[in-house]
C-alpha atoms as a PDB file:
ATOM      1  CA  MET A   1       6.966  -6.908 -16.183  1.00  0.00           C
ATOM      2  CA  GLY A   2       7.705  -3.406 -14.965  1.00  0.00           C
ATOM      3  CA  GLU A   3      10.771  -4.625 -13.088  1.00  0.00           C
ATOM      4  CA  CYS A   4      14.352  -3.759 -13.918  1.00  0.00           C
ATOM      5  CA  GLU A   5      15.726  -5.874 -16.784  1.00  0.00           C
ATOM      6  CA  THR A   6      18.590  -7.174 -14.642  1.00  0.00           C
ATOM      7  CA  PHE A   7      16.021  -8.408 -12.119  1.00  0.00           C
ATOM      8  CA  LEU A   8      14.179 -10.240 -14.908  1.00  0.00           C
ATOM      9  CA  CYS A   9      17.428 -11.862 -16.061  1.00  0.00           C
ATOM     10  CA  HIS A  10      18.117 -13.198 -12.564  1.00  0.00           C
ATOM     11  CA  GLU A  11      14.553 -14.463 -12.366  1.00  0.00           C
ATOM     12  CA  ARG A  12      14.649 -16.197 -15.778  1.00  0.00           C
ATOM     13  CA  LEU A  13      17.984 -17.843 -14.896  1.00  0.00           C
ATOM     14  CA  SER A  14      16.401 -19.171 -11.666  1.00  0.00           C
ATOM     15  CA  HIS A  15      18.999 -17.472  -9.481  1.00  0.00           C
ATOM     16  CA  GLU A  16      18.321 -17.769  -5.767  1.00  0.00           C
ATOM     17  CA  PRO A  17      16.680 -14.599  -4.397  1.00  0.00           C
ATOM     18  CA  GLU A  18      16.944 -13.447  -0.815  1.00  0.00           C
ATOM     19  CA  PRO A  19      14.155 -14.958   1.329  1.00  0.00           C
ATOM     20  CA  MET A  20      10.931 -12.989   1.386  1.00  0.00           C
ATOM     21  CA  THR A  21      10.478 -11.185   4.669  1.00  0.00           C
ATOM     22  CA  GLY A  22       7.471 -11.872   6.857  1.00  0.00           C
ATOM     23  CA  ARG A  23       6.289  -8.295   6.355  1.00  0.00           C
ATOM     24  CA  VAL A  24       6.223  -8.656   2.555  1.00  0.00           C
ATOM     25  CA  ARG A  25       4.551 -12.058   2.794  1.00  0.00           C
ATOM     26  CA  HIS A  26       1.827 -10.636   5.031  1.00  0.00           C
ATOM     27  CA  MET A  27       1.328  -7.686   2.644  1.00  0.00           C
ATOM     28  CA  LEU A  28       0.762 -10.114  -0.249  1.00  0.00           C
ATOM     29  CA  GLN A  29      -1.708 -12.127   1.807  1.00  0.00           C
ATOM     30  CA  ASP A  30      -3.445  -8.891   2.794  1.00  0.00           C
ATOM     31  CA  GLY A  31      -3.714  -7.967  -0.905  1.00  0.00           C
ATOM     32  CA  VAL A  32      -5.589 -11.188  -1.630  1.00  0.00           C
ATOM     33  CA  THR A  33      -8.075 -10.329   1.138  1.00  0.00           C
ATOM     34  CA  HIS A  34      -8.772  -6.893  -0.397  1.00  0.00           C
ATOM     35  CA  GLU A  35      -9.143  -8.436  -3.877  1.00  0.00           C
ATOM     36  CA  HIS A  36     -11.788 -10.840  -2.561  1.00  0.00           C
ATOM     37  CA  ASP A  37     -13.546  -7.969  -0.777  1.00  0.00           C
ATOM     38  CA  ILE A  38     -13.872  -5.922  -3.992  1.00  0.00           C
ATOM     39  CA  VAL A  39     -15.123  -8.892  -6.024  1.00  0.00           C
ATOM     40  CA  ASP A  40     -17.684  -9.695  -3.316  1.00  0.00           C
ATOM     41  CA  ARG A  41     -18.872  -6.057  -3.278  1.00  0.00           C
ATOM     42  CA  LEU A  42     -19.315  -6.045  -7.062  1.00  0.00           C
ATOM     43  CA  ARG A  43     -21.273  -9.289  -6.994  1.00  0.00           C
ATOM     44  CA  SER A  44     -23.447  -7.987  -4.146  1.00  0.00           C
ATOM     45  CA  ALA A  45     -24.219  -4.928  -6.289  1.00  0.00           C
ATOM     46  CA  GLY A  46     -25.501  -7.208  -9.064  1.00  0.00           C
ATOM     47  CA  ILE A  47     -22.423  -6.928 -11.321  1.00  0.00           C
ATOM     48  CA  THR A  48     -21.246 -10.198 -12.789  1.00  0.00           C
ATOM     49  CA  VAL A  49     -17.516 -10.843 -12.408  1.00  0.00           C
ATOM     50  CA  LEU A  50     -16.244 -13.571 -14.704  1.00  0.00           C
ATOM     51  CA  HIS A  51     -13.034 -15.542 -14.079  1.00  0.00           C
ATOM     52  CA  SER A  52     -12.652 -14.200 -10.530  1.00  0.00           C
ATOM     53  CA  TYR A  53     -11.294 -16.009  -7.479  1.00  0.00           C
ATOM     54  CA  VAL A  54     -14.797 -17.428  -6.918  1.00  0.00           C
ATOM     55  CA  GLU A  55     -14.649 -19.874  -9.821  1.00  0.00           C
ATOM     56  CA  GLY A  56     -10.900 -19.638 -10.345  1.00  0.00           C
ATOM     57  CA  GLN A  57      -8.860 -17.032 -12.225  1.00  0.00           C
ATOM     58  CA  THR A  58      -8.115 -17.812 -15.840  1.00  0.00           C
ATOM     59  CA  ASP A  59      -4.650 -18.026 -17.414  1.00  0.00           C
ATOM     60  CA  VAL A  60      -3.924 -15.437 -20.084  1.00  0.00           C
ATOM     61  CA  HIS A  61      -0.967 -15.488 -22.467  1.00  0.00           C
ATOM     62  CA  CYS A  62       0.569 -12.010 -22.560  1.00  0.00           C
ATOM     63  CA  SER A  63       3.391 -12.917 -24.918  1.00  0.00           C
ATOM     64  CA  PHE A  64       4.452 -15.993 -26.871  1.00  0.00           C
ATOM     65  CA  ASP A  65       7.982 -14.958 -27.860  1.00  0.00           C
ATOM     66  CA  PRO A  66       9.123 -14.978 -25.138  1.00  0.00           C
ATOM     67  CA  PHE A  67       6.312 -16.834 -23.388  1.00  0.00           C
ATOM     68  CA  VAL A  68       4.709 -14.804 -20.583  1.00  0.00           C
ATOM     69  CA  SER A  69       1.431 -15.595 -18.827  1.00  0.00           C
ATOM     70  CA  GLY A  70      -0.621 -14.101 -16.018  1.00  0.00           C
ATOM     71  CA  HIS A  71      -3.795 -14.286 -13.924  1.00  0.00           C
ATOM     72  CA  PRO A  72      -6.103 -11.216 -14.119  1.00  0.00           C
ATOM     73  CA  ASP A  73      -8.431 -10.523 -11.203  1.00  0.00           C
ATOM     74  CA  GLY A  74     -11.497 -10.970 -13.417  1.00  0.00           C
ATOM     75  CA  VAL A  75     -13.660  -9.677 -16.256  1.00  0.00           C
ATOM     76  CA  LEU A  76     -16.632  -7.390 -15.600  1.00  0.00           C
ATOM     77  CA  ASP A  77     -19.949  -8.145 -17.295  1.00  0.00           C
ATOM     78  CA  ILE A  78     -21.962  -4.921 -17.032  1.00  0.00           C
ATOM     79  CA  PRO A  79     -25.366  -4.629 -18.751  1.00  0.00           C
ATOM     80  CA  ARG A  80     -25.528  -1.646 -21.121  1.00  0.00           C
ATOM     81  CA  SER A  81     -28.465  -0.256 -19.164  1.00  0.00           C
ATOM     82  CA  GLU A  82     -26.276   0.068 -16.069  1.00  0.00           C
ATOM     83  CA  LYS A  83     -25.154   3.626 -15.227  1.00  0.00           C
ATOM     84  CA  PHE A  84     -21.375   3.717 -15.495  1.00  0.00           C
ATOM     85  CA  ASP A  85     -19.309   6.390 -13.720  1.00  0.00           C
ATOM     86  CA  LEU A  86     -15.597   6.305 -12.947  1.00  0.00           C
ATOM     87  CA  ASP A  87     -13.400   8.696 -10.998  1.00  0.00           C
ATOM     88  CA  TYR A  88     -11.061   8.993 -13.981  1.00  0.00           C
ATOM     89  CA  ALA A  89     -10.619   7.460 -17.444  1.00  0.00           C
ATOM     90  CA  ASP A  90      -7.977   8.059 -20.105  1.00  0.00           C
ATOM     91  CA  GLU A  91      -9.003   9.728 -23.363  1.00  0.00           C
ATOM     92  CA  ASN A  92      -9.322   6.466 -25.320  1.00  0.00           C
ATOM     93  CA  PHE A  93     -11.352   4.601 -22.713  1.00  0.00           C
ATOM     94  CA  LYS A  94     -14.758   3.502 -24.048  1.00  0.00           C
ATOM     95  CA  PRO A  95     -16.909   1.460 -21.660  1.00  0.00           C
ATOM     96  CA  SER A  96     -18.367  -1.734 -23.064  1.00  0.00           C
ATOM     97  CA  ARG A  97     -20.296  -4.661 -21.658  1.00  0.00           C
ATOM     98  CA  PHE A  98     -17.151  -6.737 -20.978  1.00  0.00           C
ATOM     99  CA  MET A  99     -14.047  -5.138 -19.446  1.00  0.00           C
ATOM    100  CA  LEU A 100     -10.944  -6.415 -17.708  1.00  0.00           C
ATOM    101  CA  LEU A 101     -10.949  -5.970 -13.923  1.00  0.00           C
ATOM    102  CA  GLU A 102      -7.758  -5.194 -12.017  1.00  0.00           C
ATOM    103  CA  ILE A 103      -7.671  -4.627  -8.249  1.00  0.00           C
ATOM    104  CA  THR A 104      -4.943  -3.129  -6.079  1.00  0.00           C
ATOM    105  CA  ALA A 105      -4.851  -1.989  -2.443  1.00  0.00           C
ATOM    106  CA  PRO A 106      -2.043   0.516  -1.702  1.00  0.00           C
ATOM    107  CA  ASN A 107      -1.428   2.437   1.508  1.00  0.00           C
ATOM    108  CA  HIS A 108      -3.000   5.820   2.215  1.00  0.00           C
ATOM    109  CA  PHE A 109      -0.272   7.983   0.697  1.00  0.00           C
ATOM    110  CA  THR A 110      -0.004   6.010  -2.545  1.00  0.00           C
ATOM    111  CA  TYR A 111      -3.806   6.096  -2.773  1.00  0.00           C
ATOM    112  CA  LEU A 112      -3.809   9.912  -2.566  1.00  0.00           C
ATOM    113  CA  ARG A 113      -1.171  10.098  -5.298  1.00  0.00           C
ATOM    114  CA  LEU A 114      -3.205   7.733  -7.512  1.00  0.00           C
ATOM    115  CA  GLU A 115      -6.277   9.928  -7.123  1.00  0.00           C
ATOM    116  CA  ARG A 116      -4.266  12.909  -8.314  1.00  0.00           C
ATOM    117  CA  SER A 117      -1.908  11.437 -10.950  1.00  0.00           C
ATOM    118  CA  HIS A 118      -3.424   8.027 -11.852  1.00  0.00           C
ATOM    119  CA  LEU A 119      -2.058   4.537 -12.368  1.00  0.00           C
ATOM    120  CA  ARG A 120       0.347   5.111 -15.254  1.00  0.00           C
ATOM    121  CA  GLU A 121       2.239   7.853 -13.409  1.00  0.00           C
ATOM    122  CA  ILE A 122       2.276   6.334  -9.914  1.00  0.00           C
ATOM    123  CA  LEU A 123       2.222   2.516 -10.314  1.00  0.00           C
ATOM    124  CA  PHE A 124       3.758   1.977 -13.742  1.00  0.00           C
ATOM    125  CA  ARG A 125       4.487  -1.690 -13.034  1.00  0.00           C
ATOM    126  CA  LYS A 126       0.787  -2.315 -12.404  1.00  0.00           C
ATOM    127  CA  TYR A 127      -0.084  -0.241 -15.485  1.00  0.00           C
ATOM    128  CA  VAL A 128       2.218  -2.382 -17.663  1.00  0.00           C
ATOM    129  CA  GLN A 129       0.645  -5.518 -16.212  1.00  0.00           C
ATOM    130  CA  VAL A 130      -2.803  -4.230 -17.228  1.00  0.00           C
ATOM    131  CA  GLN A 131      -1.563  -3.439 -20.744  1.00  0.00           C
ATOM    132  CA  MET A 132      -0.120  -6.924 -21.221  1.00  0.00           C
ATOM    133  CA  TYR A 133      -3.356  -8.484 -20.011  1.00  0.00           C
ATOM    134  CA  LEU A 134      -5.365  -6.306 -22.434  1.00  0.00           C
ATOM    135  CA  ASN A 135      -3.065  -7.422 -25.264  1.00  0.00           C
ATOM    136  CA  SER A 136      -3.471 -11.123 -24.454  1.00  0.00           C
ATOM    137  CA  GLU A 137      -5.407 -13.303 -26.864  1.00  0.00           C
ATOM    138  CA  GLU A 138      -7.916 -14.289 -24.174  1.00  0.00           C
ATOM    139  CA  ILE A 139      -8.785 -10.736 -23.040  1.00  0.00           C
ATOM    140  CA  ARG A 140      -8.794  -9.193 -26.531  1.00  0.00           C
ATOM    141  CA  SER A 141     -11.934 -11.189 -27.250  1.00  0.00           C
ATOM    142  CA  TYR A 142     -13.658  -9.200 -24.491  1.00  0.00           C
ATOM    143  CA  GLY A 143     -12.492  -5.769 -25.659  1.00  0.00           C
ATOM    144  CA  ASN A 144      -9.580  -3.421 -25.069  1.00  0.00           C
ATOM    145  CA  CYS A 145     -10.484  -1.601 -21.855  1.00  0.00           C
ATOM    146  CA  CYS A 146      -9.922  -2.203 -18.161  1.00  0.00           C
ATOM    147  CA  VAL A 147     -11.480  -0.913 -14.952  1.00  0.00           C
ATOM    148  CA  ALA A 148      -8.888  -0.641 -12.195  1.00  0.00           C
ATOM    149  CA  ILE A 149     -10.396  -0.501  -8.702  1.00  0.00           C
ATOM    150  CA  VAL A 150      -8.029   0.901  -6.089  1.00  0.00           C
ATOM    151  CA  LYS A 151      -8.855   0.331  -2.421  1.00  0.00           C
ATOM    152  CA  ASN A 152      -7.197   2.399   0.284  1.00  0.00           C
ATOM    153  CA  LYS A 153      -6.188  -0.351   2.679  1.00  0.00           C
ATOM    154  CA  ASN A 154      -6.020   2.144   5.571  1.00  0.00           C
ATOM    155  CA  THR A 155      -9.439   3.767   5.131  1.00  0.00           C
ATOM    156  CA  SER A 156     -11.286   1.401   2.699  1.00  0.00           C
ATOM    157  CA  ALA A 157     -11.953   4.353   0.353  1.00  0.00           C
ATOM    158  CA  LEU A 158     -12.310   3.387  -3.325  1.00  0.00           C
ATOM    159  CA  TYR A 159     -10.962   4.984  -6.512  1.00  0.00           C
ATOM    160  CA  GLU A 160     -11.984   3.660  -9.952  1.00  0.00           C
ATOM    161  CA  GLU A 161      -9.995   4.295 -13.108  1.00  0.00           C
ATOM    162  CA  GLY A 162     -10.689   3.434 -16.745  1.00  0.00           C
ATOM    163  CA  ILE A 163      -7.668   2.308 -18.790  1.00  0.00           C
ATOM    164  CA  SER A 164      -7.523   1.616 -22.532  1.00  0.00           C
ATOM    165  CA  LEU A 165      -5.024  -0.481 -24.461  1.00  0.00           C
ATOM    166  CA  ASP A 166      -1.778   1.410 -25.143  1.00  0.00           C
ATOM    167  CA  ALA A 167      -0.015  -0.267 -28.070  1.00  0.00           C
ATOM    168  CA  ASN A 168       3.202   1.680 -27.459  1.00  0.00           C
ATOM    169  CA  VAL A 169       3.562   0.403 -23.901  1.00  0.00           C
ATOM    170  CA  VAL A 170       2.905  -3.155 -25.081  1.00  0.00           C
ATOM    171  CA  SER A 171       5.485  -2.803 -27.868  1.00  0.00           C
ATOM    172  CA  ASP A 172       8.129  -1.346 -25.510  1.00  0.00           C
ATOM    173  CA  THR A 173       7.508  -4.113 -22.989  1.00  0.00           C
ATOM    174  CA  LEU A 174       7.816  -6.846 -25.615  1.00  0.00           C
ATOM    175  CA  GLU A 175      11.127  -5.358 -26.805  1.00  0.00           C
ATOM    176  CA  LYS A 176      12.314  -5.313 -23.215  1.00  0.00           C
ATOM    177  CA  LEU A 177      11.359  -8.960 -22.762  1.00  0.00           C
ATOM    178  CA  LYS A 178      13.170  -9.893 -25.962  1.00  0.00           C
ATOM    179  CA  ARG A 179      16.350  -8.193 -24.709  1.00  0.00           C
ATOM    180  CA  VAL A 180      16.080 -10.118 -21.483  1.00  0.00           C
ATOM    181  CA  GLU A 181      15.472 -13.399 -23.307  1.00  0.00           C
ATOM    182  CA  SER A 182      18.420 -12.821 -25.634  1.00  0.00           C
ATOM    183  CA  THR A 183      20.724 -12.110 -22.697  1.00  0.00           C
ATOM    184  CA  VAL A 184      19.461 -15.092 -20.709  1.00  0.00           C
ATOM    185  CA  ALA A 185      20.063 -17.370 -23.718  1.00  0.00           C
ATOM    186  CA  GLU A 186      23.766 -16.521 -23.327  1.00  0.00           C
ATOM    187  CA  GLY A 187      23.620 -17.437 -19.642  1.00  0.00           C
ATOM    188  CA  ARG A 188      24.312 -13.913 -18.400  1.00  0.00           C
ATOM    189  CA  VAL A 189      22.512 -10.894 -16.966  1.00  0.00           C
ATOM    190  CA  LEU A 190      22.379  -7.341 -18.289  1.00  0.00           C
ATOM    191  CA  ASP A 191      24.876  -4.748 -17.026  1.00  0.00           C
ATOM    192  CA  PHE A 192      22.317  -2.308 -15.632  1.00  0.00           C
ATOM    193  CA  ARG A 193      22.564  -1.645 -11.868  1.00  0.00           C
ATOM    194  CA  CYS A 194      20.178   0.692 -10.063  1.00  0.00           C
ATOM    195  CA  SER A 195      21.741   3.488  -8.025  1.00  0.00           C
ATOM    196  CA  ASP A 196      18.867   4.703  -5.873  1.00  0.00           C
ATOM    197  CA  TRP A 197      16.775   3.495  -2.933  1.00  0.00           C
ATOM    198  CA  ARG A 198      15.393   0.542  -4.916  1.00  0.00           C
ATOM    199  CA  ARG A 199      18.589  -1.452  -4.482  1.00  0.00           C
ATOM    200  CA  ASN A 200      17.877  -1.769  -0.747  1.00  0.00           C
ATOM    201  CA  TYR A 201      14.630  -3.629  -1.456  1.00  0.00           C
ATOM    202  CA  CYS A 202      15.525  -5.836  -4.422  1.00  0.00           C
ATOM    203  CA  ARG A 203      15.673  -9.549  -3.642  1.00  0.00           C
ATOM    204  CA  TYR A 204      18.623  -9.939  -6.037  1.00  0.00           C
ATOM    205  CA  ARG A 205      20.719  -7.086  -4.635  1.00  0.00           C
ATOM    206  CA  HIS A 206      23.219  -9.586  -3.169  1.00  0.00           C
ATOM    207  CA  LEU A 207      23.991 -10.743  -6.722  1.00  0.00           C
ATOM    208  CA  CYS A 208      24.271  -7.252  -8.201  1.00  0.00           C
ATOM    209  CA  PHE A 209      26.237  -5.620  -5.401  1.00  0.00           C
ATOM    210  CA  MET A 210      27.835  -8.563  -3.597  1.00  0.00           C
ATOM    211  CA  GLU A 211      29.162  -7.353  -0.228  1.00  0.00           C
ATOM    212  CA  GLU A 212      28.757  -3.650  -0.901  1.00  0.00           C
ATOM    213  CA  GLU A 213      26.973  -1.750   1.826  1.00  0.00           C
ATOM    214  CA  ALA A 214      23.333  -0.872   1.301  1.00  0.00           C
ATOM    215  CA  PHE A 215      22.858   2.489  -0.386  1.00  0.00           C
ATOM    216  CA  THR A 216      21.913   5.066   2.238  1.00  0.00           C
ATOM    217  CA  PRO A 217      22.420   8.783   1.616  1.00  0.00           C
ATOM    218  CA  VAL A 218      24.176  10.207   4.680  1.00  0.00           C
ATOM    219  CA  SER A 219      23.449  13.685   5.967  1.00  0.00           C
ATOM    220  CA  ARG A 220      23.606  15.154   9.458  1.00  0.00           C
ATOM    221  CA  ASP A 221      21.556  18.169   8.416  1.00  0.00           C
ATOM    222  CA  ILE A 222      17.832  18.778   8.738  1.00  0.00           C
ATOM    223  CA  LEU A 223      16.679  18.621   5.142  1.00  0.00           C
ATOM    224  CA  ARG A 224      14.183  21.004   3.595  1.00  0.00           C
ATOM    225  CA  GLY A 225      11.555  18.602   2.295  1.00  0.00           C
ATOM    226  CA  GLU A 226      10.349  20.982  -0.427  1.00  0.00           C
ATOM    227  CA  SER A 227      13.725  20.601  -2.149  1.00  0.00           C
ATOM    228  CA  LEU A 228      13.518  16.797  -2.379  1.00  0.00           C
ATOM    229  CA  ARG A 229      12.071  14.796  -5.249  1.00  0.00           C
ATOM    230  CA  GLU A 230       9.760  13.163  -2.685  1.00  0.00           C
ATOM    231  CA  ALA A 231       8.292  16.587  -1.806  1.00  0.00           C
ATOM    232  CA  LEU A 232       4.721  15.689  -2.848  1.00  0.00           C
ATOM    233  CA  VAL A 233       4.701  12.507  -0.764  1.00  0.00           C
ATOM    234  CA  LEU A 234       6.151  14.386   2.214  1.00  0.00           C
ATOM    235  CA  LYS A 235       3.555  17.168   1.875  1.00  0.00           C
ATOM    236  CA  GLU A 236       0.765  14.592   1.881  1.00  0.00           C
ATOM    237  CA  ALA A 237       2.248  12.908   4.945  1.00  0.00           C
ATOM    238  CA  ALA A 238       2.495  16.269   6.722  1.00  0.00           C
ATOM    239  CA  GLU A 239      -1.117  17.160   5.874  1.00  0.00           C
ATOM    240  CA  VAL A 240      -2.383  13.787   7.055  1.00  0.00           C
ATOM    241  CA  TRP A 241      -0.361  14.147  10.286  1.00  0.00           C
ATOM    242  CA  LYS A 242      -1.852  17.601  10.934  1.00  0.00           C
ATOM    243  CA  ARG A 243      -5.376  16.312  10.325  1.00  0.00           C
ATOM    244  CA  GLY A 244      -4.689  13.389  12.633  1.00  0.00           C
ATOM    245  CA  LYS A 245      -3.349  15.724  15.315  1.00  0.00           C
ATOM    246  CA  LEU A 246      -6.474  17.890  15.129  1.00  0.00           C
ATOM    247  CA  LEU A 247      -8.671  14.807  15.341  1.00  0.00           C
ATOM    248  CA  GLU A 248      -6.637  13.613  18.325  1.00  0.00           C
ATOM    249  CA  LEU A 249      -7.181  16.932  20.126  1.00  0.00           C
ATOM    250  CA  GLU A 250     -10.857  16.947  19.193  1.00  0.00           C
ATOM    251  CA  GLY A 251     -11.141  13.382  20.443  1.00  0.00           C
ATOM    252  CA  LYS A 252      -9.638  14.322  23.813  1.00  0.00           C
ATOM    253  CA  ASP A 253     -12.117  17.196  24.148  1.00  0.00           C
ATOM    254  CA  LEU A 254     -15.047  14.948  23.250  1.00  0.00           C
ATOM    255  CA  ILE A 255     -13.921  12.302  25.724  1.00  0.00           C
ATOM    256  CA  ALA A 256     -13.571  14.925  28.472  1.00  0.00           C
ATOM    257  CA  ASP A 257     -17.072  16.310  27.752  1.00  0.00           C
ATOM    258  CA  CYS A 258     -18.609  12.829  27.809  1.00  0.00           C
ATOM    259  CA  ARG A 259     -16.783  11.920  31.027  1.00  0.00           C
ATOM    260  CA  GLU A 260     -18.166  15.043  32.713  1.00  0.00           C
ATOM    261  CA  GLN A 261     -21.687  14.230  31.476  1.00  0.00           C
ATOM    262  CA  PHE A 262     -21.447  10.706  32.864  1.00  0.00           C
ATOM    263  CA  ALA A 263     -20.060  12.011  36.181  1.00  0.00           C
ATOM    264  CA  GLU A 264     -22.900  14.519  36.552  1.00  0.00           C
ATOM    265  CA  ILE A 265     -25.582  11.863  36.127  1.00  0.00           C
ATOM    266  CA  ILE A 266     -23.784   9.387  38.380  1.00  0.00           C
ATOM    267  CA  ARG A 267     -23.667  12.031  41.124  1.00  0.00           C
ATOM    268  CA  GLN A 268     -27.337  12.917  40.521  1.00  0.00           C
ATOM    269  CA  TYR A 269     -28.462   9.332  41.105  1.00  0.00           C
ATOM    270  CA  GLY A 270     -25.975   8.608  43.863  1.00  0.00           C
ATOM    271  CA  CYS A 271     -24.746   5.473  42.112  1.00  0.00           C
ATOM    272  CA  VAL A 272     -21.243   4.165  41.523  1.00  0.00           C
ATOM    273  CA  GLY A 273     -21.572   3.894  37.751  1.00  0.00           C
ATOM    274  CA  LEU A 274     -23.736   3.130  34.738  1.00  0.00           C
ATOM    275  CA  THR A 275     -23.717   1.332  31.392  1.00  0.00           C
ATOM    276  CA  ILE A 276     -25.143   2.572  28.104  1.00  0.00           C
ATOM    277  CA  SER A 277     -24.713   1.299  24.521  1.00  0.00           C
ATOM    278  CA  ASP A 278     -21.839  -1.029  25.509  1.00  0.00           C
ATOM    279  CA  VAL A 279     -20.087   1.846  27.326  1.00  0.00           C
ATOM    280  CA  LYS A 280     -19.410   1.555  31.056  1.00  0.00           C
ATOM    281  CA  ALA A 281     -18.810   4.624  33.254  1.00  0.00           C
ATOM    282  CA  LEU A 282     -17.579   4.121  36.825  1.00  0.00           C
ATOM    283  CA  MET A 283     -16.952   6.791  39.459  1.00  0.00           C
ATOM    284  CA  ILE A 284     -13.447   6.297  40.779  1.00  0.00           C
ATOM    285  CA  ALA A 285     -12.783   7.357  44.381  1.00  0.00           C
ATOM    286  CA  GLU A 286     -10.540  10.370  44.833  1.00  0.00           C
ATOM    287  CA  GLY A 287      -6.963   9.610  45.770  1.00  0.00           C
ATOM    288  CA  VAL A 288      -3.485  11.000  45.853  1.00  0.00           C
ATOM    289  CA  ASN A 289      -1.513  11.013  42.620  1.00  0.00           C
ATOM    290  CA  ARG A 290       2.159  10.456  43.403  1.00  0.00           C
ATOM    291  CA  ARG A 291       5.039  11.029  41.029  1.00  0.00           C
ATOM    292  CA  THR A 292       8.572   9.828  41.607  1.00  0.00           C
ATOM    293  CA  ASN A 293      11.373  12.296  40.889  1.00  0.00           C
ATOM    294  CA  TYR A 294      13.909   9.843  39.489  1.00  0.00           C
ATOM    295  CA  ASP A 295      16.513  12.525  38.771  1.00  0.00           C
ATOM    296  CA  SER A 296      16.519  13.631  42.408  1.00  0.00           C
ATOM    297  CA  LEU A 297      16.634  10.022  43.609  1.00  0.00           C
ATOM    298  CA  ARG A 298      19.619   9.278  41.372  1.00  0.00           C
ATOM    299  CA  GLN A 299      21.528  12.373  42.558  1.00  0.00           C
ATOM    300  CA  LYS A 300      20.885  11.990  46.296  1.00  0.00           C
ATOM    301  CA  HIS A 301      20.800   8.198  46.650  1.00  0.00           C
ATOM    302  CA  PRO A 302      22.603   6.606  43.681  1.00  0.00           C
ATOM    303  CA  ASP A 303      22.866   3.200  45.378  1.00  0.00           C
ATOM    304  CA  VAL A 304      19.128   3.049  46.051  1.00  0.00           C
ATOM    305  CA  TYR A 305      18.406   4.289  42.524  1.00  0.00           C
ATOM    306  CA  SER A 306      20.509   1.556  40.903  1.00  0.00           C
ATOM    307  CA  GLU A 307      18.862  -1.061  43.124  1.00  0.00           C
ATOM    308  CA  VAL A 308      15.225  -0.164  42.465  1.00  0.00           C
ATOM    309  CA  VAL A 309      15.304   1.429  38.994  1.00  0.00           C
ATOM    310  CA  SER A 310      16.191  -0.444  35.818  1.00  0.00           C
ATOM    311  CA  GLU A 311      17.026   1.388  32.616  1.00  0.00           C
ATOM    312  CA  SER A 312      16.893   0.111  29.043  1.00  0.00           C
ATOM    313  CA  ARG A 313      17.740   1.771  25.759  1.00  0.00           C
ATOM    314  CA  ARG A 314      15.096   2.005  23.080  1.00  0.00           C
ATOM    315  CA  ASP A 315      15.525   2.004  19.334  1.00  0.00           C
ATOM    316  CA  ALA A 316      15.640   5.324  17.536  1.00  0.00           C
ATOM    317  CA  TYR A 317      12.243   6.617  16.420  1.00  0.00           C
ATOM    318  CA  VAL A 318      10.780   9.647  14.670  1.00  0.00           C
ATOM    319  CA  LYS A 319       8.924  12.106  16.918  1.00  0.00           C
ATOM    320  CA  VAL A 320       6.624  14.426  15.007  1.00  0.00           C
ATOM    321  CA  SER A 321       5.580  17.736  16.551  1.00  0.00           C
ATOM    322  CA  ASP A 322       4.295  21.198  15.646  1.00  0.00           C
END
C-alpha cells in the first residue's frame, strides 16, 4: 500500500509483471524464516502470540471501499505485570495488554538507519502497512498500538519500536486507494512515472517505459559521496568497512599468535601435530616456495606462455581500500 499509484493500477488490472528473480524469491523466503524465529523467541520467553504462523495468521480487512485485506504477523498478549521496554516509541504509543505484532528483517545498513530514524522515515511502506492493520476492524478490537520487531538479518541484532495509530496516514492511504480504484474502473492507469532508481526494480517497468533503456546516471568522475543524497548510507557503509578491515587485521594477528603457540608446543613434545577443542594443528615440513614470473615468461617465450597459461576475463568489481 506504500507503492506508487501507477504500480497499484497495473496490479489491480491484473497486468502481467516481469517474472520475480530468484534473488527476490529467496529474500522473501528468508523473511519468513526470520518471522518464525522472532515468534518462537517470544513464545520461549513466555509471551503469548495470538494469530501467528503457529496456528495460522488471521485475515484483517484494512479497507472496504475499495476492499483491501492483509495478514499481520500476530497479536501480542502481554500480562500487565510484565516489564515492558522498547528501543523507541512514538509520542502517542501507550502499551496495553494486546498489541499488534509486525516483524521485518532488513540488511545491516537499513537496520542501522532504522535504529537512528525509525520505521516511518526509513520504511514508509511497512509503516503504512502497520497503520492499515491498526485501522482494521479486527485489530481495533485489540487496541491501537503495534510493536514492530526489526531483526538485523546479517548480525541477528534486534530493534523494537512502538507505533501508534496515525489517522492522517490512514486517511491519505484510503484517498490514494480510491484514486487508484477510480482510474482502474475506467480501464486505465495513472500518468505518474517515476524518474529515479526505483524504475530499474519495478516489475511493471516494461509497461511504463516500454523499450526505453534502464535509468542509470552516467558519470566518469569519482564522486564525492558527502554531496550525494545517499551520503548517510554511504557513511555507514564506510564505517562498517573500516571496522571490518580492523577486525580482519586483528584476526590475522590472532591467528599468527595461535599458530606460533601451537608450533612451540608441537616442537616441545616432538610430535607432528595435536588436536584441541575441534581444532587440529599439524607441523608442515619446510619446503621451497616457488613463484612463476608470468610477465617474464610471456616476454621471453610467448609460444610457451600461450601453450601453458590460459587467461580469462572477469566481471568488473568494486575494490575497497584505504
